[in-house]
Structure formats: structure tokens, C-alpha cells
Amino acid sequence: MREEDIIEFAILEWLNVQGHFSFKIPDQRQNIDGVYRKHPWQPRGIPDICCIWKHKTLFFEVKTDKGRLSKYQKIIHGKMNDVYVVRSIAEVEHLLSILDQVHYPKF
């Protein structure tokens, strides 16, 4: 299992334990009989995780500390709203607390 997969699984588990409906968006490549083939209806660059948080749809692209966005990810993410690059559960938790303050301020 790749380091990115481990981080992704931990983030998904944390989000769901917190009560946020979230799921992994499948990779565009599928292992069919030991051969990776492109899925015809999923373009390159789609984020890794979709999360419904307080009636808002968020997307997370999970990267390792050294991971960088591909050119396809930059193009697709530029066409979407609420896509965030995260590297740990702590970053997701921090991001959600910031979004909570921005979207749901306490007066």
C-alpha cells in the first residue's frame, strides 16, 4: 500500500467517525486481470475524496509531504469549487475549523 493510500484511508475513517458522509472517488485506472486500464468515463485529475460537510460538498486531493499536483489535477481542480490539497488528518481538521468560522460565524 502506498503512503498516499494510507493517509487517504486515515482521513476517510476520521471524516466518517466525525459524522461527515465521505467516500473515496475511485481511481481512473482499474486493475482488470492484472492490467491497469483507463475508465472511459472518468477523466484524469479527479480528487481522491468527496465529503458532504454541513450541506456543502468538499473535495480533497490527498498528497504525501513531497507530493505535487499533476497537470491534469491542476486543470480539473481549477474547474471545480471547494477542492483542497491535504496531507494529514490534522490539515483536514484545521481546514474544517476555518471553513466553519467563514461559513458559520458565531456572532
C-alpha atoms as a PDB file:
ATOM      1  CA  MET A   1       0.000   0.000   0.000  1.00  0.00           C
ATOM      2  CA  ARG A   2       1.362   3.412  -0.971  1.00  0.00           C
ATOM      3  CA  GLU A   3       1.904   6.126   1.653  1.00  0.00           C
ATOM      4  CA  GLU A   4      -0.755   8.252  -0.030  1.00  0.00           C
ATOM      5  CA  ASP A   5      -3.277   5.392   0.261  1.00  0.00           C
ATOM      6  CA  ILE A   6      -2.573   5.088   3.995  1.00  0.00           C
ATOM      7  CA  ILE A   7      -3.142   8.830   4.524  1.00  0.00           C
ATOM      8  CA  GLU A   8      -6.290   8.707   2.384  1.00  0.00           C
ATOM      9  CA  PHE A   9      -7.737   5.796   4.379  1.00  0.00           C
ATOM     10  CA  ALA A  10      -6.984   7.548   7.693  1.00  0.00           C
ATOM     11  CA  ILE A  11      -8.667  10.766   6.508  1.00  0.00           C
ATOM     12  CA  LEU A  12     -11.735   8.875   5.264  1.00  0.00           C
ATOM     13  CA  GLU A  13     -12.015   6.992   8.529  1.00  0.00           C
ATOM     14  CA  TRP A  14     -11.664  10.201  10.578  1.00  0.00           C
ATOM     15  CA  LEU A  15     -14.263  12.064   8.465  1.00  0.00           C
ATOM     16  CA  ASN A  16     -16.792   9.263   8.832  1.00  0.00           C
ATOM     17  CA  VAL A  17     -16.185   8.896  12.585  1.00  0.00           C
ATOM     18  CA  GLN A  18     -16.849  12.640  12.864  1.00  0.00           C
ATOM     19  CA  GLY A  19     -20.219  12.068  11.167  1.00  0.00           C
ATOM     20  CA  HIS A  20     -19.353  13.574   7.774  1.00  0.00           C
ATOM     21  CA  PHE A  21     -20.585  11.459   4.860  1.00  0.00           C
ATOM     22  CA  SER A  22     -17.460  10.902   2.793  1.00  0.00           C
ATOM     23  CA  PHE A  23     -16.203   8.416   0.266  1.00  0.00           C
ATOM     24  CA  LYS A  24     -13.261   7.579  -1.957  1.00  0.00           C
ATOM     25  CA  ILE A  25     -13.620   8.551  -5.582  1.00  0.00           C
ATOM     26  CA  PRO A  26     -12.267   5.533  -7.476  1.00  0.00           C
ATOM     27  CA  ASP A  27      -9.058   5.881  -9.455  1.00  0.00           C
ATOM     28  CA  GLN A  28      -9.422   6.328 -13.177  1.00  0.00           C
ATOM     29  CA  ARG A  29      -7.441   3.123 -13.666  1.00  0.00           C
ATOM     30  CA  GLN A  30      -8.912  -0.242 -12.868  1.00  0.00           C
ATOM     31  CA  ASN A  31      -6.995  -3.462 -12.382  1.00  0.00           C
ATOM     32  CA  ILE A  32      -8.638  -5.856 -14.812  1.00  0.00           C
ATOM     33  CA  ASP A  33      -6.936  -9.254 -14.986  1.00  0.00           C
ATOM     34  CA  GLY A  34      -3.682  -7.756 -13.702  1.00  0.00           C
ATOM     35  CA  VAL A  35      -3.674  -4.977 -16.311  1.00  0.00           C
ATOM     36  CA  TYR A  36      -4.467  -1.359 -15.465  1.00  0.00           C
ATOM     37  CA  ARG A  37      -6.949   0.150 -17.905  1.00  0.00           C
ATOM     38  CA  LYS A  38      -8.364   3.657 -18.044  1.00  0.00           C
ATOM     39  CA  HIS A  39     -12.002   4.017 -17.069  1.00  0.00           C
ATOM     40  CA  PRO A  40     -13.771   5.591 -20.081  1.00  0.00           C
ATOM     41  CA  TRP A  41     -15.985   7.982 -18.090  1.00  0.00           C
ATOM     42  CA  GLN A  42     -13.569   9.388 -15.552  1.00  0.00           C
ATOM     43  CA  PRO A  43     -11.069  11.994 -16.670  1.00  0.00           C
ATOM     44  CA  ARG A  44      -7.608  12.268 -15.172  1.00  0.00           C
ATOM     45  CA  GLY A  45      -7.199  14.646 -12.238  1.00  0.00           C
ATOM     46  CA  ILE A  46     -10.392  13.976 -10.264  1.00  0.00           C
ATOM     47  CA  PRO A  47      -9.855  14.500  -6.481  1.00  0.00           C
ATOM     48  CA  ASP A  48      -9.459  11.490  -4.166  1.00  0.00           C
ATOM     49  CA  ILE A  49     -12.205  12.118  -1.597  1.00  0.00           C
ATOM     50  CA  CYS A  50     -15.697  13.619  -1.666  1.00  0.00           C
ATOM     51  CA  CYS A  51     -17.140  14.804   1.655  1.00  0.00           C
ATOM     52  CA  ILE A  52     -20.564  16.222   2.488  1.00  0.00           C
ATOM     53  CA  TRP A  53     -19.945  18.660   5.326  1.00  0.00           C
ATOM     54  CA  LYS A  54     -22.784  20.783   6.715  1.00  0.00           C
ATOM     55  CA  HIS A  55     -24.763  20.562   3.433  1.00  0.00           C
ATOM     56  CA  LYS A  56     -21.669  21.578   1.452  1.00  0.00           C
ATOM     57  CA  THR A  57     -19.725  19.319  -0.920  1.00  0.00           C
ATOM     58  CA  LEU A  58     -15.966  19.362  -0.401  1.00  0.00           C
ATOM     59  CA  PHE A  59     -13.290  17.545  -2.373  1.00  0.00           C
ATOM     60  CA  PHE A  60      -9.900  16.523  -1.033  1.00  0.00           C
ATOM     61  CA  GLU A  61      -6.812  15.687  -3.042  1.00  0.00           C
ATOM     62  CA  VAL A  62      -4.527  13.668  -0.781  1.00  0.00           C
ATOM     63  CA  LYS A  63      -0.778  14.062  -1.190  1.00  0.00           C
ATOM     64  CA  THR A  64       2.289  12.995   0.754  1.00  0.00           C
ATOM     65  CA  ASP A  65       4.697  15.634   2.064  1.00  0.00           C
ATOM     66  CA  LYS A  66       6.594  15.529  -1.233  1.00  0.00           C
ATOM     67  CA  GLY A  67       3.547  15.007  -3.465  1.00  0.00           C
ATOM     68  CA  ARG A  68       2.652  17.581  -6.108  1.00  0.00           C
ATOM     69  CA  LEU A  69      -0.398  18.098  -8.307  1.00  0.00           C
ATOM     70  CA  SER A  70      -0.200  16.732 -11.836  1.00  0.00           C
ATOM     71  CA  LYS A  71      -1.024  18.963 -14.793  1.00  0.00           C
ATOM     72  CA  TYR A  72      -4.360  17.146 -15.144  1.00  0.00           C
ATOM     73  CA  GLN A  73      -5.185  17.724 -11.479  1.00  0.00           C
ATOM     74  CA  LYS A  74      -4.429  21.431 -11.830  1.00  0.00           C
ATOM     75  CA  ILE A  75      -6.785  21.684 -14.828  1.00  0.00           C
ATOM     76  CA  ILE A  76      -9.667  19.711 -13.274  1.00  0.00           C
ATOM     77  CA  HIS A  77      -9.326  21.326  -9.835  1.00  0.00           C
ATOM     78  CA  GLY A  78      -9.363  24.742 -11.490  1.00  0.00           C
ATOM     79  CA  LYS A  79     -12.808  23.929 -12.895  1.00  0.00           C
ATOM     80  CA  MET A  80     -14.254  22.766  -9.567  1.00  0.00           C
ATOM     81  CA  ASN A  81     -15.288  24.521  -6.362  1.00  0.00           C
ATOM     82  CA  ASP A  82     -14.086  23.576  -2.900  1.00  0.00           C
ATOM     83  CA  VAL A  83     -11.121  21.348  -3.791  1.00  0.00           C
ATOM     84  CA  TYR A  84      -8.388  21.225  -1.145  1.00  0.00           C
ATOM     85  CA  VAL A  85      -4.982  19.548  -1.147  1.00  0.00           C
ATOM     86  CA  VAL A  86      -4.421  17.857   2.214  1.00  0.00           C
ATOM     87  CA  ARG A  87      -1.569  15.811   3.633  1.00  0.00           C
ATOM     88  CA  SER A  88      -2.915  14.649   7.013  1.00  0.00           C
ATOM     89  CA  ILE A  89      -5.926  14.373   9.278  1.00  0.00           C
ATOM     90  CA  ALA A  90      -4.648  17.434  11.154  1.00  0.00           C
ATOM     91  CA  GLU A  91      -4.802  19.506   7.947  1.00  0.00           C
ATOM     92  CA  VAL A  92      -8.375  18.368   7.264  1.00  0.00           C
ATOM     93  CA  GLU A  93      -9.405  19.155  10.841  1.00  0.00           C
ATOM     94  CA  HIS A  94      -7.786  22.606  10.629  1.00  0.00           C
ATOM     95  CA  LEU A  95      -9.404  23.295   7.246  1.00  0.00           C
ATOM     96  CA  LEU A  96     -12.864  22.342   8.511  1.00  0.00           C
ATOM     97  CA  SER A  97     -12.463  24.607  11.544  1.00  0.00           C
ATOM     98  CA  ILE A  98     -11.535  27.531   9.249  1.00  0.00           C
ATOM     99  CA  LEU A  99     -14.468  26.795   6.922  1.00  0.00           C
ATOM    100  CA  ASP A 100     -16.744  26.608   9.959  1.00  0.00           C
ATOM    101  CA  GLN A 101     -15.680  30.120  11.013  1.00  0.00           C
ATOM    102  CA  VAL A 102     -16.070  31.518   7.487  1.00  0.00           C
ATOM    103  CA  HIS A 103     -19.407  29.891   6.581  1.00  0.00           C
ATOM    104  CA  TYR A 104     -20.971  29.700  10.043  1.00  0.00           C
ATOM    105  CA  PRO A 105     -19.609  32.643  12.086  1.00  0.00           C
ATOM    106  CA  LYS A 106     -20.653  32.963  15.707  1.00  0.00           C
ATOM    107  CA  PHE A 107     -21.805  36.498  16.455  1.00  0.00           C
END
